[in-house]
PDB file of all heavy atoms in Angstrom:
ATOM      1  N   PRO A   1      30.115  -5.574  37.859  1.00  0.00           N
ATOM      2  CA  PRO A   1      29.353  -4.618  36.977  1.00  0.00           C
ATOM      3  C   PRO A   1      30.102  -3.355  36.677  1.00  0.00           C
ATOM      4  O   PRO A   1      29.822  -2.707  35.630  1.00  0.00           O
ATOM      5  CB  PRO A   1      28.071  -4.352  37.770  1.00  0.00           C
ATOM      6  CG  PRO A   1      28.427  -4.653  39.206  1.00  0.00           C
ATOM      7  CD  PRO A   1      29.428  -5.766  39.134  1.00  0.00           C
ATOM      8  N   THR A   2      31.059  -2.946  37.488  1.00  0.00           N
ATOM      9  CA  THR A   2      31.830  -1.755  37.232  1.00  0.00           C
ATOM     10  C   THR A   2      32.620  -1.880  35.928  1.00  0.00           C
ATOM     11  O   THR A   2      32.765  -0.910  35.140  1.00  0.00           O
ATOM     12  CB  THR A   2      32.744  -1.411  38.415  1.00  0.00           C
ATOM     13  OG1 THR A   2      31.962  -1.285  39.611  1.00  0.00           O
ATOM     14  CG2 THR A   2      33.498  -0.143  38.160  1.00  0.00           C
ATOM     15  N   THR A   3      33.149  -3.078  35.664  1.00  0.00           N
ATOM     16  CA  THR A   3      33.856  -3.325  34.399  1.00  0.00           C
ATOM     17  C   THR A   3      32.917  -3.199  33.248  1.00  0.00           C
ATOM     18  O   THR A   3      33.254  -2.617  32.213  1.00  0.00           O
ATOM     19  CB  THR A   3      34.520  -4.721  34.447  1.00  0.00           C
ATOM     20  OG1 THR A   3      35.531  -4.760  35.427  1.00  0.00           O
ATOM     21  CG2 THR A   3      35.091  -5.051  33.090  1.00  0.00           C
ATOM     22  N   ALA A   4      31.675  -3.669  33.418  1.00  0.00           N
ATOM     23  CA  ALA A   4      30.669  -3.561  32.364  1.00  0.00           C
ATOM     24  C   ALA A   4      30.383  -2.086  32.075  1.00  0.00           C
ATOM     25  O   ALA A   4      30.259  -1.695  30.937  1.00  0.00           O
ATOM     26  CB  ALA A   4      29.424  -4.326  32.724  1.00  0.00           C
ATOM     27  N   VAL A   5      30.320  -1.290  33.137  1.00  0.00           N
ATOM     28  CA  VAL A   5      30.066   0.181  32.955  1.00  0.00           C
ATOM     29  C   VAL A   5      31.208   0.807  32.223  1.00  0.00           C
ATOM     30  O   VAL A   5      31.004   1.630  31.332  1.00  0.00           O
ATOM     31  CB  VAL A   5      29.877   0.817  34.334  1.00  0.00           C
ATOM     32  CG1 VAL A   5      29.955   2.335  34.245  1.00  0.00           C
ATOM     33  CG2 VAL A   5      28.535   0.407  34.939  1.00  0.00           C
ATOM     34  N   GLN A   6      32.438   0.421  32.539  1.00  0.00           N
ATOM     35  CA  GLN A   6      33.579   0.976  31.857  1.00  0.00           C
ATOM     36  C   GLN A   6      33.608   0.555  30.355  1.00  0.00           C
ATOM     37  O   GLN A   6      34.000   1.378  29.492  1.00  0.00           O
ATOM     38  CB  GLN A   6      34.884   0.523  32.510  1.00  0.00           C
ATOM     39  CG  GLN A   6      35.125   1.158  33.870  1.00  0.00           C
ATOM     40  CD  GLN A   6      36.398   0.620  34.512  1.00  0.00           C
ATOM     41  OE1 GLN A   6      36.540  -0.529  34.918  1.00  0.00           O
ATOM     42  NE2 GLN A   6      37.389   1.512  34.557  1.00  0.00           N
ATOM     43  N   ALA A   7      33.152  -0.627  30.070  1.00  0.00           N
ATOM     44  CA  ALA A   7      33.064  -1.075  28.677  1.00  0.00           C
ATOM     45  C   ALA A   7      31.982  -0.265  27.942  1.00  0.00           C
ATOM     46  O   ALA A   7      32.189   0.102  26.752  1.00  0.00           O
ATOM     47  CB  ALA A   7      32.729  -2.525  28.607  1.00  0.00           C
ATOM     48  N   ILE A   8      30.906   0.052  28.611  1.00  0.00           N
ATOM     49  CA  ILE A   8      29.805   0.839  27.978  1.00  0.00           C
ATOM     50  C   ILE A   8      30.321   2.281  27.646  1.00  0.00           C
ATOM     51  O   ILE A   8      29.922   2.869  26.605  1.00  0.00           O
ATOM     52  CB  ILE A   8      28.588   0.929  28.849  1.00  0.00           C
ATOM     53  CG1 ILE A   8      28.006  -0.502  29.048  1.00  0.00           C
ATOM     54  CG2 ILE A   8      27.534   1.851  28.302  1.00  0.00           C
ATOM     55  CD1 ILE A   8      26.863  -0.585  30.053  1.00  0.00           C
ATOM     56  N   ASP A   9      31.244   2.775  28.486  1.00  0.00           N
ATOM     57  CA  ASP A   9      31.851   4.055  28.139  1.00  0.00           C
ATOM     58  C   ASP A   9      32.468   4.046  26.748  1.00  0.00           C
ATOM     59  O   ASP A   9      32.255   4.989  25.946  1.00  0.00           O
ATOM     60  CB  ASP A   9      32.901   4.475  29.189  1.00  0.00           C
ATOM     61  CG  ASP A   9      32.335   4.695  30.574  1.00  0.00           C
ATOM     62  OD1 ASP A   9      31.118   4.965  30.695  1.00  0.00           O
ATOM     63  OD2 ASP A   9      33.082   4.603  31.556  1.00  0.00           O
ATOM     64  N   GLN A  10      33.256   3.025  26.478  1.00  0.00           N
ATOM     65  CA  GLN A  10      33.905   2.952  25.183  1.00  0.00           C
ATOM     66  C   GLN A  10      32.950   2.655  24.055  1.00  0.00           C
ATOM     67  O   GLN A  10      32.994   3.177  22.961  1.00  0.00           O
ATOM     68  CB  GLN A  10      34.991   1.860  25.222  1.00  0.00           C
ATOM     69  CG  GLN A  10      36.134   2.070  26.184  1.00  0.00           C
ATOM     70  CD  GLN A  10      37.032   3.245  25.802  1.00  0.00           C
ATOM     71  OE1 GLN A  10      37.112   3.566  24.594  1.00  0.00           O
ATOM     72  NE2 GLN A  10      37.646   3.834  26.731  1.00  0.00           N
ATOM     73  N   ILE A  11      31.945   1.791  24.374  1.00  0.00           N
ATOM     74  CA  ILE A  11      30.950   1.455  23.362  1.00  0.00           C
ATOM     75  C   ILE A  11      30.152   2.677  22.935  1.00  0.00           C
ATOM     76  O   ILE A  11      29.902   2.941  21.790  1.00  0.00           O
ATOM     77  CB  ILE A  11      30.006   0.365  23.884  1.00  0.00           C
ATOM     78  CG1 ILE A  11      30.773  -0.978  24.066  1.00  0.00           C
ATOM     79  CG2 ILE A  11      28.778   0.143  22.966  1.00  0.00           C
ATOM     80  CD1 ILE A  11      29.948  -2.045  24.809  1.00  0.00           C
ATOM     81  N   GLU A  12      29.720   3.492  23.928  1.00  0.00           N
ATOM     82  CA  GLU A  12      28.964   4.689  23.575  1.00  0.00           C
ATOM     83  C   GLU A  12      29.764   5.642  22.708  1.00  0.00           C
ATOM     84  O   GLU A  12      29.282   6.200  21.755  1.00  0.00           O
ATOM     85  CB  GLU A  12      28.566   5.400  24.869  1.00  0.00           C
ATOM     86  CG  GLU A  12      27.750   6.682  24.612  1.00  0.00           C
ATOM     87  CD  GLU A  12      27.425   7.492  25.853  1.00  0.00           C
ATOM     88  OE1 GLU A  12      27.834   7.032  26.957  1.00  0.00           O
ATOM     89  OE2 GLU A  12      26.827   8.546  25.767  1.00  0.00           O
ATOM     90  N   ASP A  13      31.081   5.791  23.014  1.00  0.00           N
ATOM     91  CA  ASP A  13      31.925   6.668  22.198  1.00  0.00           C
ATOM     92  C   ASP A  13      32.013   6.137  20.746  1.00  0.00           C
ATOM     93  O   ASP A  13      31.924   6.932  19.809  1.00  0.00           O
ATOM     94  CB  ASP A  13      33.320   6.733  22.789  1.00  0.00           C
ATOM     95  CG  ASP A  13      34.233   7.637  21.987  1.00  0.00           C
ATOM     96  OD1 ASP A  13      34.093   8.870  22.105  1.00  0.00           O
ATOM     97  OD2 ASP A  13      35.068   7.123  21.236  1.00  0.00           O
ATOM     98  N   LEU A  14      32.155   4.841  20.582  1.00  0.00           N
ATOM     99  CA  LEU A  14      32.207   4.302  19.200  1.00  0.00           C
ATOM    100  C   LEU A  14      30.874   4.494  18.465  1.00  0.00           C
ATOM    101  O   LEU A  14      30.879   4.812  17.271  1.00  0.00           O
ATOM    102  CB  LEU A  14      32.550   2.789  19.259  1.00  0.00           C
ATOM    103  CG  LEU A  14      33.943   2.436  19.825  1.00  0.00           C
ATOM    104  CD1 LEU A  14      34.108   0.931  19.841  1.00  0.00           C
ATOM    105  CD2 LEU A  14      35.022   3.084  19.027  1.00  0.00           C
ATOM    106  N   LEU A  15      29.774   4.317  19.155  1.00  0.00           N
ATOM    107  CA  LEU A  15      28.456   4.498  18.531  1.00  0.00           C
ATOM    108  C   LEU A  15      28.253   6.002  18.124  1.00  0.00           C
ATOM    109  O   LEU A  15      27.681   6.275  17.067  1.00  0.00           O
ATOM    110  CB  LEU A  15      27.320   4.046  19.440  1.00  0.00           C
ATOM    111  CG  LEU A  15      27.200   2.545  19.653  1.00  0.00           C
ATOM    112  CD1 LEU A  15      26.078   2.262  20.667  1.00  0.00           C
ATOM    113  CD2 LEU A  15      26.951   1.846  18.327  1.00  0.00           C
ATOM    114  N   ARG A  16      28.691   6.875  18.949  1.00  0.00           N
ATOM    115  CA  ARG A  16      28.565   8.322  18.599  1.00  0.00           C
ATOM    116  C   ARG A  16      29.371   8.616  17.335  1.00  0.00           C
ATOM    117  O   ARG A  16      28.952   9.419  16.488  1.00  0.00           O
ATOM    118  CB  ARG A  16      29.027   9.182  19.719  1.00  0.00           C
ATOM    119  CG  ARG A  16      28.118   9.183  20.959  1.00  0.00           C
ATOM    120  CD  ARG A  16      28.438  10.266  21.944  1.00  0.00           C
ATOM    121  NE  ARG A  16      27.549  10.216  23.128  1.00  0.00           N
ATOM    122  CZ  ARG A  16      27.294  11.251  23.861  1.00  0.00           C
ATOM    123  NH1 ARG A  16      27.842  12.458  23.539  1.00  0.00           N
ATOM    124  NH2 ARG A  16      26.507  11.174  24.924  1.00  0.00           N
ATOM    125  N   ARG A  17      30.549   8.035  17.212  1.00  0.00           N
ATOM    126  CA  ARG A  17      31.366   8.229  16.009  1.00  0.00           C
ATOM    127  C   ARG A  17      30.720   7.614  14.786  1.00  0.00           C
ATOM    128  O   ARG A  17      30.746   8.169  13.688  1.00  0.00           O
ATOM    129  CB  ARG A  17      32.767   7.726  16.256  1.00  0.00           C
ATOM    130  CG  ARG A  17      33.537   8.497  17.289  1.00  0.00           C
ATOM    131  CD  ARG A  17      34.807   7.790  17.743  1.00  0.00           C
ATOM    132  NE  ARG A  17      35.412   8.462  18.834  1.00  0.00           N
ATOM    133  CZ  ARG A  17      36.348   9.450  18.736  1.00  0.00           C
ATOM    134  NH1 ARG A  17      36.722   9.854  17.518  1.00  0.00           N
ATOM    135  NH2 ARG A  17      36.868  10.020  19.782  1.00  0.00           N
ATOM    136  N   LEU A  18      30.171   6.413  14.962  1.00  0.00           N
ATOM    137  CA  LEU A  18      29.486   5.743  13.837  1.00  0.00           C
ATOM    138  C   LEU A  18      28.290   6.495  13.360  1.00  0.00           C
ATOM    139  O   LEU A  18      28.021   6.595  12.132  1.00  0.00           O
ATOM    140  CB  LEU A  18      29.060   4.352  14.250  1.00  0.00           C
ATOM    141  CG  LEU A  18      30.174   3.257  14.299  1.00  0.00           C
ATOM    142  CD1 LEU A  18      29.681   2.023  15.051  1.00  0.00           C
ATOM    143  CD2 LEU A  18      30.653   2.908  12.903  1.00  0.00           C
ATOM    144  N   ALA A  19      27.599   7.146  14.299  1.00  0.00           N
ATOM    145  CA  ALA A  19      26.368   7.879  13.955  1.00  0.00           C
ATOM    146  C   ALA A  19      26.705   9.054  13.046  1.00  0.00           C
ATOM    147  O   ALA A  19      25.768   9.566  12.393  1.00  0.00           O
ATOM    148  CB  ALA A  19      25.664   8.369  15.224  1.00  0.00           C
ATOM    149  N   ARG A  20      27.901   9.533  13.031  1.00  0.00           N
ATOM    150  CA  ARG A  20      28.265  10.699  12.198  1.00  0.00           C
ATOM    151  C   ARG A  20      28.588  10.281  10.790  1.00  0.00           C
ATOM    152  O   ARG A  20      28.865  11.176   9.948  1.00  0.00           O
ATOM    153  CB  ARG A  20      29.460  11.436  12.829  1.00  0.00           C
ATOM    154  CG  ARG A  20      29.158  12.087  14.177  1.00  0.00           C
ATOM    155  CD  ARG A  20      30.201  13.117  14.537  1.00  0.00           C
ATOM    156  NE  ARG A  20      31.479  12.511  14.802  1.00  0.00           N
ATOM    157  CZ  ARG A  20      31.908  12.234  16.039  1.00  0.00           C
ATOM    158  NH1 ARG A  20      31.150  12.499  17.080  1.00  0.00           N
ATOM    159  NH2 ARG A  20      33.151  11.737  16.219  1.00  0.00           N
ATOM    160  N   HIS A  21      28.639   9.011  10.495  1.00  0.00           N
ATOM    161  CA  HIS A  21      28.999   8.588   9.151  1.00  0.00           C
ATOM    162  C   HIS A  21      27.833   7.958   8.396  1.00  0.00           C
ATOM    163  O   HIS A  21      26.884   7.529   9.043  1.00  0.00           O
ATOM    164  CB  HIS A  21      30.161   7.542   9.256  1.00  0.00           C
ATOM    165  CG  HIS A  21      31.440   8.131   9.763  1.00  0.00           C
ATOM    166  ND1 HIS A  21      32.303   8.862   8.999  1.00  0.00           N
ATOM    167  CD2 HIS A  21      32.031   8.033  10.992  1.00  0.00           C
ATOM    168  CE1 HIS A  21      33.327   9.198   9.703  1.00  0.00           C
ATOM    169  NE2 HIS A  21      33.210   8.754  10.922  1.00  0.00           N
ATOM    170  N   ASP A  22      28.005   7.889   7.095  1.00  0.00           N
ATOM    171  CA  ASP A  22      27.017   7.202   6.228  1.00  0.00           C
ATOM    172  C   ASP A  22      27.276   5.705   6.336  1.00  0.00           C
ATOM    173  O   ASP A  22      28.179   5.179   5.704  1.00  0.00           O
ATOM    174  CB  ASP A  22      27.188   7.696   4.812  1.00  0.00           C
ATOM    175  CG  ASP A  22      26.191   7.004   3.845  1.00  0.00           C
ATOM    176  OD1 ASP A  22      25.223   6.352   4.368  1.00  0.00           O
ATOM    177  OD2 ASP A  22      26.365   7.093   2.634  1.00  0.00           O
ATOM    178  N   LEU A  23      26.454   5.032   7.082  1.00  0.00           N
ATOM    179  CA  LEU A  23      26.638   3.587   7.305  1.00  0.00           C
ATOM    180  C   LEU A  23      26.156   2.755   6.122  1.00  0.00           C
ATOM    181  O   LEU A  23      26.423   1.565   6.048  1.00  0.00           O
ATOM    182  CB  LEU A  23      25.847   3.124   8.586  1.00  0.00           C
ATOM    183  CG  LEU A  23      26.268   3.848   9.824  1.00  0.00           C
ATOM    184  CD1 LEU A  23      25.467   3.288  11.009  1.00  0.00           C
ATOM    185  CD2 LEU A  23      27.801   3.738  10.121  1.00  0.00           C
ATOM    186  N   ASP A  24      25.459   3.358   5.207  1.00  0.00           N
ATOM    187  CA  ASP A  24      24.993   2.678   4.032  1.00  0.00           C
ATOM    188  C   ASP A  24      25.945   2.841   2.823  1.00  0.00           C
ATOM    189  O   ASP A  24      25.558   2.729   1.697  1.00  0.00           O
ATOM    190  CB  ASP A  24      23.591   3.154   3.633  1.00  0.00           C
ATOM    191  CG  ASP A  24      22.589   2.964   4.690  1.00  0.00           C
ATOM    192  OD1 ASP A  24      22.653   1.926   5.370  1.00  0.00           O
ATOM    193  OD2 ASP A  24      21.674   3.835   4.906  1.00  0.00           O
ATOM    194  N   ALA A  25      27.209   3.055   3.159  1.00  0.00           N
ATOM    195  CA  ALA A  25      28.212   3.319   2.090  1.00  0.00           C
ATOM    196  C   ALA A  25      28.728   1.999   1.509  1.00  0.00           C
ATOM    197  O   ALA A  25      29.901   1.787   1.351  1.00  0.00           O
ATOM    198  CB  ALA A  25      29.369   4.156   2.661  1.00  0.00           C
TER     199      ALA A  25
END
């Protein structure tokens, strides 16, 4: 599960960056 936690670290960062953009472009 520690590897899964490390993967979530990267996933959260990508989602935060996506949230700043217009996804309906």
